[in-house]
Amino acid sequence: MGFDASSDDRIPLCTVCTRQLRGPEEIENVKEPFNCALCFGVLDEKFVDEVVAEVKFPFNFSKFSNELKL
């Protein structure tokens, strides 16, 4: 059983993966980026912005170690 690239319309892809695999003129075929079969939403711009915002906070080791003790 091989994979035919011309029949990939059944594979759910997000906007980023669709643009990379099928070209800029194609549209996405999933409603939520986390439903993408290729990246699972990790490449979603909103998700990346949330991660960047969280990384800017300083690491609090004492709070982290207290959480681990629970």
Protein backbone atom coordinates (compact mmCIF):
# COMPACT_ATOMS: atom_id res chain seq x y z
CA MET A 1 0.00 0.00 0.00
CA GLY A 2 1.68 3.14 -1.20
CA PHE A 3 0.76 6.76 -0.88
CA ASP A 4 -0.32 8.76 -3.90
CA ALA A 5 0.37 12.49 -3.46
CA SER A 6 -2.44 13.34 -5.85
CA SER A 7 -4.99 11.78 -3.50
CA ASP A 8 -3.94 13.70 -0.37
CA ASP A 9 -7.22 15.63 -0.17
CA ARG A 10 -8.37 13.20 2.52
CA ILE A 11 -5.50 14.07 4.86
CA PRO A 12 -6.54 16.84 7.29
CA LEU A 13 -3.99 19.67 7.17
CA CYS A 14 -3.78 23.11 8.78
CA THR A 15 -3.07 26.33 6.90
CA VAL A 16 0.71 26.18 7.36
CA CYS A 17 1.06 22.54 6.30
CA THR A 18 -1.34 23.02 3.38
CA ARG A 19 0.69 25.98 2.13
CA GLN A 20 3.95 24.02 2.42
CA LEU A 21 2.68 20.84 0.76
CA ARG A 22 0.08 21.99 -1.73
CA GLY A 23 1.02 25.60 -2.45
CA PRO A 24 -0.24 29.06 -1.47
CA GLU A 25 -3.38 28.91 -3.61
CA GLU A 26 -4.84 25.94 -1.71
CA ILE A 27 -7.05 26.38 1.37
CA GLU A 28 -6.89 24.56 4.67
CA ASN A 29 -9.23 21.67 5.33
CA VAL A 30 -9.40 21.59 9.14
CA LYS A 31 -11.34 23.93 11.40
CA GLU A 32 -8.86 23.80 14.30
CA PRO A 33 -5.06 23.66 13.84
CA PHE A 34 -4.66 20.88 16.43
CA ASN A 35 -6.57 18.58 14.05
CA CYS A 36 -3.73 18.71 11.53
CA ALA A 37 -2.40 15.22 10.81
CA LEU A 38 1.10 16.51 10.14
CA CYS A 39 2.02 19.08 12.82
CA PHE A 40 -0.83 18.62 15.36
CA GLY A 41 -1.14 22.41 15.61
CA VAL A 42 2.41 23.06 16.80
CA LEU A 43 3.04 25.34 13.81
CA ASP A 44 -0.09 27.41 14.46
CA GLU A 45 0.77 31.11 14.81
CA LYS A 46 -1.51 31.62 17.85
CA PHE A 47 0.05 28.64 19.63
CA VAL A 48 3.57 29.89 18.91
CA ASP A 49 2.66 33.35 20.24
CA GLU A 50 1.32 31.79 23.46
CA VAL A 51 4.51 29.78 23.95
CA VAL A 52 6.68 32.85 23.37
CA ALA A 53 4.63 34.82 25.91
CA GLU A 54 5.03 32.07 28.52
CA VAL A 55 8.77 31.72 27.94
CA LYS A 56 9.29 35.39 28.75
CA PHE A 57 8.32 34.77 32.39
CA PRO A 58 11.30 34.06 34.67
CA PHE A 59 11.71 30.53 36.00
CA ASN A 60 10.79 30.21 39.68
CA PHE A 61 12.64 27.17 41.01
CA SER A 62 11.13 27.25 44.50
CA LYS A 63 7.59 27.27 43.13
CA PHE A 64 8.51 24.49 40.71
CA SER A 65 10.00 22.29 43.43
CA ASN A 66 6.98 22.88 45.68
CA GLU A 67 4.68 21.79 42.85
CA LEU A 68 6.71 18.61 42.41
CA LYS A 69 6.33 17.77 46.10
CA LEU A 70 2.56 17.69 45.76
